[in-house]
Structure formats: structure tokens, C-alpha cells
Amino acid sequence: MDAKEFAKLLKGVKEAGEIVRGERAPARETVVDSTMVKELRKSLKLSQAQFAALLTVDLGTLRNWEQGRREPQGPAKALLRAIRKDPKNVLKALAA
């Protein structure tokens, strides 16, 4: 990594820290809701069982997300955002 790339990375980390501490508002927020989870799964042409296995979550958990009874939290939410942003590479990494 060259110095210019490292400087950009460091700037992003500092901004993230400011957001976490409440010193800065996020530029945008990604909402993960039940519709998004279902649409994402369907766009990948995966069954609920296949998608749950890919995410390593219980099938019942995935169903609860899709039906709006629960909302993905923490790492699951981050993983869903990553899949939505770059499905090809994230799915490739998960399959490895």
C-alpha cells in the first residue's frame, strides 16, 4: 500500500471514530430491513435454507428477518451490507 492510499485509509478510520463517538454525523446510513433481506436473497437466487447456511444462521432466524419479526444485528447486519455492496466477491470469500 502506498502512502497516498494509507493516508486515505487513516482518514476514514478517524472519521469512523468520530461517528462512533457522536462527534460527526454519518454521511449515510444503511438500513437493513426485512424487505432488503428477502430481496437480497432472491437476487442471489438462493432458497431460505441456502442463504441461512451461507450466513451461518439458523433457518428460523432468517425467516424471522424476512418476515419482520426480528432485525439482523451486529456481524450479520454487516455481512448483509457487504453482500449487497459486492455480492460476487463476498460470496466467493464465504465459499472458500
N, C-alpha and C. Protein backbone atom coordinates (compact mmCIF):
# COMPACT_ATOMS: atom_id res chain seq x y z
N MET A 1 0.85 -1.17 0.00
CA MET A 1 0.00 0.00 0.00
C MET A 1 0.90 1.23 0.00
N ASP A 2 0.60 2.14 -0.93
CA ASP A 2 1.45 3.34 -0.96
C ASP A 2 0.96 4.38 0.05
N ALA A 3 1.73 5.42 0.23
CA ALA A 3 1.46 6.44 1.26
C ALA A 3 0.12 7.14 1.03
N LYS A 4 -0.23 7.38 -0.23
CA LYS A 4 -1.48 8.08 -0.55
C LYS A 4 -2.69 7.21 -0.14
N GLU A 5 -2.62 5.93 -0.46
CA GLU A 5 -3.71 5.02 -0.08
C GLU A 5 -3.80 4.89 1.44
N PHE A 6 -2.65 4.82 2.09
CA PHE A 6 -2.65 4.70 3.55
C PHE A 6 -3.25 5.95 4.19
N ALA A 7 -2.95 7.11 3.64
CA ALA A 7 -3.50 8.36 4.19
C ALA A 7 -5.02 8.38 4.06
N LYS A 8 -5.54 7.90 2.93
CA LYS A 8 -7.00 7.84 2.75
C LYS A 8 -7.63 6.87 3.74
N LEU A 9 -6.96 5.73 3.95
CA LEU A 9 -7.45 4.74 4.89
C LEU A 9 -7.46 5.30 6.31
N LEU A 10 -6.40 5.95 6.69
CA LEU A 10 -6.29 6.54 8.03
C LEU A 10 -7.36 7.62 8.24
N LYS A 11 -7.60 8.43 7.22
CA LYS A 11 -8.64 9.47 7.31
C LYS A 11 -10.00 8.82 7.55
N GLY A 12 -10.28 7.72 6.83
CA GLY A 12 -11.55 7.02 7.01
C GLY A 12 -11.71 6.44 8.40
N VAL A 13 -10.65 5.89 8.94
CA VAL A 13 -10.69 5.33 10.29
C VAL A 13 -10.94 6.43 11.32
N LYS A 14 -10.29 7.57 11.14
CA LYS A 14 -10.50 8.69 12.06
C LYS A 14 -11.94 9.18 12.00
N GLU A 15 -12.49 9.28 10.77
CA GLU A 15 -13.87 9.71 10.62
C GLU A 15 -14.83 8.71 11.25
N ALA A 16 -14.55 7.42 11.10
CA ALA A 16 -15.40 6.39 11.71
C ALA A 16 -15.39 6.54 13.23
N GLY A 17 -14.22 6.81 13.80
CA GLY A 17 -14.13 7.02 15.24
C GLY A 17 -14.96 8.22 15.69
N GLU A 18 -14.93 9.28 14.91
CA GLU A 18 -15.72 10.47 15.23
C GLU A 18 -17.21 10.15 15.19
N ILE A 19 -17.63 9.34 14.23
CA ILE A 19 -19.04 8.96 14.13
C ILE A 19 -19.44 8.13 15.33
N VAL A 20 -18.62 7.16 15.70
CA VAL A 20 -18.92 6.29 16.84
C VAL A 20 -19.02 7.10 18.13
N ARG A 21 -18.14 8.10 18.29
CA ARG A 21 -18.15 8.94 19.49
C ARG A 21 -19.22 10.01 19.46
N GLY A 22 -19.96 10.12 18.36
CA GLY A 22 -21.03 11.11 18.25
C GLY A 22 -20.54 12.50 17.90
N GLU A 23 -19.28 12.61 17.46
CA GLU A 23 -18.71 13.91 17.10
C GLU A 23 -19.02 14.30 15.67
N ARG A 24 -19.47 13.35 14.89
CA ARG A 24 -19.75 13.59 13.47
C ARG A 24 -20.95 12.74 13.08
N ALA A 25 -21.79 13.28 12.23
CA ALA A 25 -22.93 12.52 11.72
C ALA A 25 -22.47 11.68 10.53
N PRO A 26 -22.98 10.47 10.39
CA PRO A 26 -22.60 9.66 9.24
C PRO A 26 -23.10 10.30 7.95
N ALA A 27 -22.33 10.14 6.89
CA ALA A 27 -22.73 10.68 5.59
C ALA A 27 -23.99 9.98 5.09
N ARG A 28 -24.08 8.70 5.38
CA ARG A 28 -25.28 7.95 5.02
C ARG A 28 -25.37 6.77 5.97
N GLU A 29 -26.57 6.29 6.13
CA GLU A 29 -26.79 5.12 6.96
C GLU A 29 -27.46 4.06 6.12
N THR A 30 -27.01 2.84 6.26
CA THR A 30 -27.60 1.74 5.52
C THR A 30 -28.59 1.04 6.42
N VAL A 31 -29.81 0.98 5.96
CA VAL A 31 -30.85 0.32 6.73
C VAL A 31 -30.98 -1.10 6.22
N VAL A 32 -30.96 -2.03 7.13
CA VAL A 32 -31.18 -3.42 6.79
C VAL A 32 -32.54 -3.79 7.35
N ASP A 33 -33.51 -3.97 6.48
CA ASP A 33 -34.84 -4.33 6.95
C ASP A 33 -35.28 -5.64 6.32
N SER A 34 -36.45 -6.09 6.72
CA SER A 34 -36.92 -7.40 6.27
C SER A 34 -37.06 -7.47 4.75
N THR A 35 -37.52 -6.40 4.13
CA THR A 35 -37.68 -6.41 2.66
C THR A 35 -36.33 -6.55 1.99
N MET A 36 -35.32 -5.85 2.52
CA MET A 36 -33.99 -5.90 1.92
C MET A 36 -33.40 -7.30 2.02
N VAL A 37 -33.58 -7.96 3.15
CA VAL A 37 -33.03 -9.30 3.33
C VAL A 37 -33.65 -10.25 2.31
N LYS A 38 -34.95 -10.20 2.18
CA LYS A 38 -35.64 -11.09 1.24
C LYS A 38 -35.25 -10.78 -0.21
N GLU A 39 -35.22 -9.49 -0.55
CA GLU A 39 -34.84 -9.11 -1.91
C GLU A 39 -33.41 -9.51 -2.23
N LEU A 40 -32.52 -9.35 -1.27
CA LEU A 40 -31.13 -9.73 -1.46
C LEU A 40 -31.02 -11.23 -1.71
N ARG A 41 -31.70 -12.00 -0.89
CA ARG A 41 -31.67 -13.46 -1.06
C ARG A 41 -32.20 -13.86 -2.43
N LYS A 42 -33.32 -13.26 -2.82
CA LYS A 42 -33.92 -13.60 -4.12
C LYS A 42 -33.02 -13.18 -5.28
N SER A 43 -32.34 -12.04 -5.14
CA SER A 43 -31.46 -11.58 -6.22
C SER A 43 -30.28 -12.53 -6.40
N LEU A 44 -29.93 -13.25 -5.33
CA LEU A 44 -28.85 -14.23 -5.40
C LEU A 44 -29.34 -15.60 -5.86
N LYS A 45 -30.66 -15.69 -6.04
CA LYS A 45 -31.29 -16.94 -6.47
C LYS A 45 -31.01 -18.09 -5.50
N LEU A 46 -31.13 -17.77 -4.21
CA LEU A 46 -30.90 -18.76 -3.16
C LEU A 46 -32.20 -19.01 -2.40
N SER A 47 -32.38 -20.25 -1.97
CA SER A 47 -33.52 -20.57 -1.11
C SER A 47 -33.22 -20.01 0.29
N GLN A 48 -34.24 -20.00 1.13
CA GLN A 48 -34.01 -19.56 2.50
C GLN A 48 -32.98 -20.45 3.18
N ALA A 49 -33.08 -21.75 2.96
CA ALA A 49 -32.14 -22.69 3.59
C ALA A 49 -30.71 -22.44 3.10
N GLN A 50 -30.55 -22.21 1.81
CA GLN A 50 -29.21 -21.96 1.26
C GLN A 50 -28.63 -20.66 1.80
N PHE A 51 -29.46 -19.61 1.86
CA PHE A 51 -28.98 -18.31 2.32
C PHE A 51 -28.64 -18.37 3.81
N ALA A 52 -29.47 -19.05 4.58
CA ALA A 52 -29.20 -19.19 6.02
C ALA A 52 -27.88 -19.94 6.23
N ALA A 53 -27.65 -20.98 5.46
CA ALA A 53 -26.40 -21.73 5.58
C ALA A 53 -25.21 -20.86 5.19
N LEU A 54 -25.36 -20.07 4.14
CA LEU A 54 -24.29 -19.17 3.71
C LEU A 54 -23.92 -18.18 4.81
N LEU A 55 -24.94 -17.65 5.48
CA LEU A 55 -24.73 -16.67 6.55
C LEU A 55 -24.39 -17.34 7.88
N THR A 56 -24.48 -18.65 7.92
CA THR A 56 -24.31 -19.44 9.15
C THR A 56 -25.25 -18.96 10.26
N VAL A 57 -26.52 -18.82 9.89
CA VAL A 57 -27.56 -18.50 10.87
C VAL A 57 -28.63 -19.59 10.77
N ASP A 58 -29.38 -19.74 11.81
CA ASP A 58 -30.47 -20.69 11.84
C ASP A 58 -31.53 -20.30 10.81
N LEU A 59 -32.14 -21.28 10.16
CA LEU A 59 -33.17 -21.00 9.17
C LEU A 59 -34.31 -20.19 9.78
N GLY A 60 -34.66 -20.49 11.02
CA GLY A 60 -35.71 -19.74 11.71
C GLY A 60 -35.34 -18.28 11.89
N THR A 61 -34.07 -18.02 12.12
CA THR A 61 -33.60 -16.63 12.26
C THR A 61 -33.79 -15.88 10.95
N LEU A 62 -33.38 -16.50 9.85
CA LEU A 62 -33.55 -15.86 8.55
C LEU A 62 -35.03 -15.61 8.27
N ARG A 63 -35.86 -16.57 8.57
CA ARG A 63 -37.32 -16.38 8.35
C ARG A 63 -37.84 -15.22 9.19
N ASN A 64 -37.39 -15.13 10.44
CA ASN A 64 -37.80 -14.01 11.29
C ASN A 64 -37.38 -12.68 10.69
N TRP A 65 -36.16 -12.61 10.14
CA TRP A 65 -35.70 -11.38 9.50
C TRP A 65 -36.60 -11.03 8.32
N GLU A 66 -36.85 -12.02 7.47
CA GLU A 66 -37.63 -11.77 6.25
C GLU A 66 -39.07 -11.40 6.55
N GLN A 67 -39.60 -11.90 7.65
CA GLN A 67 -40.99 -11.62 8.00
C GLN A 67 -41.13 -10.41 8.92
N GLY A 68 -40.01 -9.75 9.21
CA GLY A 68 -40.04 -8.53 10.00
C GLY A 68 -40.23 -8.74 11.49
N ARG A 69 -40.12 -9.97 11.97
CA ARG A 69 -40.26 -10.22 13.41
C ARG A 69 -38.99 -9.87 14.17
N ARG A 70 -37.87 -9.95 13.49
CA ARG A 70 -36.57 -9.61 14.08
C ARG A 70 -35.77 -8.84 13.04
N GLU A 71 -34.73 -8.16 13.51
CA GLU A 71 -33.84 -7.41 12.63
C GLU A 71 -32.42 -7.94 12.81
N PRO A 72 -31.69 -8.14 11.71
CA PRO A 72 -30.30 -8.57 11.84
C PRO A 72 -29.52 -7.58 12.70
N GLN A 73 -28.60 -8.10 13.50
CA GLN A 73 -27.79 -7.27 14.38
C GLN A 73 -26.32 -7.55 14.16
N GLY A 74 -25.48 -6.64 14.57
CA GLY A 74 -24.03 -6.81 14.61
C GLY A 74 -23.41 -7.39 13.35
N PRO A 75 -22.67 -8.48 13.50
CA PRO A 75 -21.94 -9.06 12.37
C PRO A 75 -22.85 -9.48 11.22
N ALA A 76 -24.05 -9.99 11.54
CA ALA A 76 -24.97 -10.40 10.48
C ALA A 76 -25.38 -9.20 9.63
N LYS A 77 -25.65 -8.10 10.28
CA LYS A 77 -26.04 -6.88 9.58
C LYS A 77 -24.90 -6.38 8.69
N ALA A 78 -23.69 -6.43 9.21
CA ALA A 78 -22.52 -6.01 8.43
C ALA A 78 -22.31 -6.93 7.23
N LEU A 79 -22.49 -8.23 7.45
CA LEU A 79 -22.32 -9.19 6.35
C LEU A 79 -23.37 -8.97 5.27
N LEU A 80 -24.60 -8.71 5.65
CA LEU A 80 -25.65 -8.45 4.67
C LEU A 80 -25.35 -7.19 3.87
N ARG A 81 -24.85 -6.16 4.54
CA ARG A 81 -24.47 -4.94 3.81
C ARG A 81 -23.35 -5.22 2.83
N ALA A 82 -22.37 -6.01 3.26
CA ALA A 82 -21.24 -6.33 2.38
C ALA A 82 -21.71 -7.12 1.16
N ILE A 83 -22.60 -8.09 1.39
CA ILE A 83 -23.12 -8.88 0.27
C ILE A 83 -23.88 -7.97 -0.69
N ARG A 84 -24.64 -7.05 -0.15
CA ARG A 84 -25.41 -6.14 -1.01
C ARG A 84 -24.49 -5.25 -1.85
N LYS A 85 -23.39 -4.81 -1.27
CA LYS A 85 -22.46 -3.91 -1.97
C LYS A 85 -21.62 -4.64 -3.01
N ASP A 86 -21.18 -5.86 -2.69
CA ASP A 86 -20.25 -6.58 -3.58
C ASP A 86 -20.55 -8.08 -3.51
N PRO A 87 -21.71 -8.49 -4.03
CA PRO A 87 -22.11 -9.89 -3.87
C PRO A 87 -21.11 -10.90 -4.45
N LYS A 88 -20.57 -10.62 -5.59
CA LYS A 88 -19.67 -11.57 -6.24
C LYS A 88 -18.48 -11.91 -5.35
N ASN A 89 -17.77 -10.90 -4.87
CA ASN A 89 -16.57 -11.14 -4.08
C ASN A 89 -16.86 -11.63 -2.67
N VAL A 90 -17.93 -11.14 -2.06
CA VAL A 90 -18.26 -11.61 -0.71
C VAL A 90 -18.68 -13.07 -0.75
N LEU A 91 -19.52 -13.44 -1.72
CA LEU A 91 -19.94 -14.84 -1.83
C LEU A 91 -18.75 -15.74 -2.15
N LYS A 92 -17.84 -15.25 -2.97
CA LYS A 92 -16.64 -16.02 -3.29
C LYS A 92 -15.81 -16.24 -2.02
N ALA A 93 -15.67 -15.21 -1.20
CA ALA A 93 -14.91 -15.33 0.05
C ALA A 93 -15.59 -16.28 1.03
N LEU A 94 -16.92 -16.24 1.09
CA LEU A 94 -17.64 -17.11 2.01
C LEU A 94 -17.58 -18.56 1.58
N ALA A 95 -17.47 -18.79 0.28
CA ALA A 95 -17.42 -20.16 -0.24
C ALA A 95 -16.07 -20.81 -0.05
N ALA A 96 -15.04 -19.99 0.18
CA ALA A 96 -13.67 -20.52 0.30
C ALA A 96 -13.46 -21.31 1.55
